[in-house]
């Protein structure tokens, strides 16, 4: 299963990434965020960190570029954890 996680650098998104890297049913994790995503520091030894790919997307308001569409087109699931932190 290919999983997309948006907002992957936040509290919820990073926890989803951590759990997805441990789950053997998930074969690929595409983390989409405004900055590069790395495996969480608290990822266990049995986490398959090689499953994680990071995609930086700065503009979430316009049509996605074709390169982004190609990377997300065959995903099986998406967890939308993108949020705005209130100031």
C-alpha atoms as a PDB file:
ATOM      1  CA  UNK A   1       0.000   0.000   0.000  1.00  0.00           C
ATOM      2  CA  UNK A   2       1.251   3.449  -0.918  1.00  0.00           C
ATOM      3  CA  UNK A   3       0.343   6.093   1.667  1.00  0.00           C
ATOM      4  CA  UNK A   4       0.471   9.864   1.262  1.00  0.00           C
ATOM      5  CA  UNK A   5       0.796  12.013   4.385  1.00  0.00           C
ATOM      6  CA  UNK A   6       0.383  15.783   4.176  1.00  0.00           C
ATOM      7  CA  UNK A   7       1.543  18.040   6.965  1.00  0.00           C
ATOM      8  CA  UNK A   8       4.147  15.414   7.738  1.00  0.00           C
ATOM      9  CA  UNK A   9       6.375  17.691   9.838  1.00  0.00           C
ATOM     10  CA  UNK A  10       3.698  18.499  12.415  1.00  0.00           C
ATOM     11  CA  UNK A  11       2.750  16.628  15.575  1.00  0.00           C
ATOM     12  CA  UNK A  12       0.057  14.452  14.003  1.00  0.00           C
ATOM     13  CA  UNK A  13       1.799  13.995  10.657  1.00  0.00           C
ATOM     14  CA  UNK A  14       5.104  12.899  12.183  1.00  0.00           C
ATOM     15  CA  UNK A  15       3.318  10.330  14.355  1.00  0.00           C
ATOM     16  CA  UNK A  16       1.502   8.965  11.304  1.00  0.00           C
ATOM     17  CA  UNK A  17       4.874   8.685   9.536  1.00  0.00           C
ATOM     18  CA  UNK A  18       6.400   6.872  12.525  1.00  0.00           C
ATOM     19  CA  UNK A  19       3.590   4.322  12.631  1.00  0.00           C
ATOM     20  CA  UNK A  20       3.484   3.880   8.858  1.00  0.00           C
ATOM     21  CA  UNK A  21       7.197   3.050   8.731  1.00  0.00           C
ATOM     22  CA  UNK A  22       6.565   0.221  11.225  1.00  0.00           C
ATOM     23  CA  UNK A  23       3.562  -1.214   9.387  1.00  0.00           C
ATOM     24  CA  UNK A  24       4.553  -4.014   6.965  1.00  0.00           C
ATOM     25  CA  UNK A  25       1.341  -3.533   4.949  1.00  0.00           C
ATOM     26  CA  UNK A  26       2.497  -0.049   3.958  1.00  0.00           C
ATOM     27  CA  UNK A  27       5.153  -0.373   1.272  1.00  0.00           C
ATOM     28  CA  UNK A  28       5.696   3.307   0.466  1.00  0.00           C
ATOM     29  CA  UNK A  29       5.143   6.575   2.329  1.00  0.00           C
ATOM     30  CA  UNK A  30       5.128   9.867   0.445  1.00  0.00           C
ATOM     31  CA  UNK A  31       5.405  12.740   2.915  1.00  0.00           C
ATOM     32  CA  UNK A  32       4.278  16.087   1.519  1.00  0.00           C
ATOM     33  CA  UNK A  33       5.180  19.199   3.474  1.00  0.00           C
ATOM     34  CA  UNK A  34       6.536  22.707   3.148  1.00  0.00           C
ATOM     35  CA  UNK A  35      10.003  21.514   4.167  1.00  0.00           C
ATOM     36  CA  UNK A  36      11.897  18.213   3.751  1.00  0.00           C
ATOM     37  CA  UNK A  37      10.658  15.309   5.873  1.00  0.00           C
ATOM     38  CA  UNK A  38      13.012  12.853   7.538  1.00  0.00           C
ATOM     39  CA  UNK A  39      12.124   9.783   9.595  1.00  0.00           C
ATOM     40  CA  UNK A  40      11.044  10.824  13.098  1.00  0.00           C
ATOM     41  CA  UNK A  41      13.770  10.727  15.746  1.00  0.00           C
ATOM     42  CA  UNK A  42      11.625   8.364  17.829  1.00  0.00           C
ATOM     43  CA  UNK A  43      11.249   5.803  15.014  1.00  0.00           C
ATOM     44  CA  UNK A  44      11.972   2.343  16.360  1.00  0.00           C
ATOM     45  CA  UNK A  45      14.675   0.013  15.071  1.00  0.00           C
ATOM     46  CA  UNK A  46      12.092  -2.072  13.208  1.00  0.00           C
ATOM     47  CA  UNK A  47      10.873   0.948  11.242  1.00  0.00           C
ATOM     48  CA  UNK A  48      11.649   0.656   7.520  1.00  0.00           C
ATOM     49  CA  UNK A  49      12.972   4.149   6.963  1.00  0.00           C
ATOM     50  CA  UNK A  50      13.734   3.397   3.301  1.00  0.00           C
ATOM     51  CA  UNK A  51       9.957   3.447   2.599  1.00  0.00           C
ATOM     52  CA  UNK A  52       9.846   7.207   3.195  1.00  0.00           C
ATOM     53  CA  UNK A  53      10.034   9.721   0.343  1.00  0.00           C
ATOM     54  CA  UNK A  54       9.794  13.451   0.946  1.00  0.00           C
ATOM     55  CA  UNK A  55       8.122  15.904  -1.399  1.00  0.00           C
ATOM     56  CA  UNK A  56       8.369  19.636  -0.701  1.00  0.00           C
ATOM     57  CA  UNK A  57       5.327  21.629  -1.807  1.00  0.00           C
ATOM     58  CA  UNK A  58       5.392  25.318  -0.957  1.00  0.00           C
ATOM     59  CA  UNK A  59       2.223  26.408  -2.738  1.00  0.00           C
ATOM     60  CA  UNK A  60      -0.876  24.455  -1.676  1.00  0.00           C
ATOM     61  CA  UNK A  61      -3.335  26.927  -3.215  1.00  0.00           C
ATOM     62  CA  UNK A  62      -2.735  26.412  -6.940  1.00  0.00           C
ATOM     63  CA  UNK A  63      -3.011  23.400  -9.206  1.00  0.00           C
ATOM     64  CA  UNK A  64      -0.325  20.861  -8.377  1.00  0.00           C
ATOM     65  CA  UNK A  65       2.588  20.729 -10.832  1.00  0.00           C
ATOM     66  CA  UNK A  66       2.662  17.710 -13.142  1.00  0.00           C
ATOM     67  CA  UNK A  67       5.673  16.313 -11.240  1.00  0.00           C
ATOM     68  CA  UNK A  68       3.582  16.195  -8.038  1.00  0.00           C
ATOM     69  CA  UNK A  69       0.612  14.631  -9.828  1.00  0.00           C
ATOM     70  CA  UNK A  70       2.865  11.856 -11.122  1.00  0.00           C
ATOM     71  CA  UNK A  71       4.093  11.037  -7.616  1.00  0.00           C
ATOM     72  CA  UNK A  72       0.630  10.887  -6.025  1.00  0.00           C
ATOM     73  CA  UNK A  73      -1.381   9.280  -8.815  1.00  0.00           C
ATOM     74  CA  UNK A  74      -1.138   5.649  -7.723  1.00  0.00           C
ATOM     75  CA  UNK A  75      -1.576   6.143  -3.966  1.00  0.00           C
ATOM     76  CA  UNK A  76      -3.917   3.844  -2.071  1.00  0.00           C
ATOM     77  CA  UNK A  77      -4.593   6.204   0.836  1.00  0.00           C
ATOM     78  CA  UNK A  78      -3.980   9.750   2.022  1.00  0.00           C
ATOM     79  CA  UNK A  79      -3.934  11.170   5.524  1.00  0.00           C
ATOM     80  CA  UNK A  80      -4.427  14.923   5.441  1.00  0.00           C
ATOM     81  CA  UNK A  81      -2.706  16.348   8.528  1.00  0.00           C
ATOM     82  CA  UNK A  82      -1.953  19.739   7.041  1.00  0.00           C
ATOM     83  CA  UNK A  83      -2.918  22.541   9.399  1.00  0.00           C
ATOM     84  CA  UNK A  84      -2.209  26.128  10.223  1.00  0.00           C
ATOM     85  CA  UNK A  85      -0.891  26.887  13.678  1.00  0.00           C
ATOM     86  CA  UNK A  86      -2.938  29.703  15.212  1.00  0.00           C
ATOM     87  CA  UNK A  87      -0.924  32.712  16.269  1.00  0.00           C
END
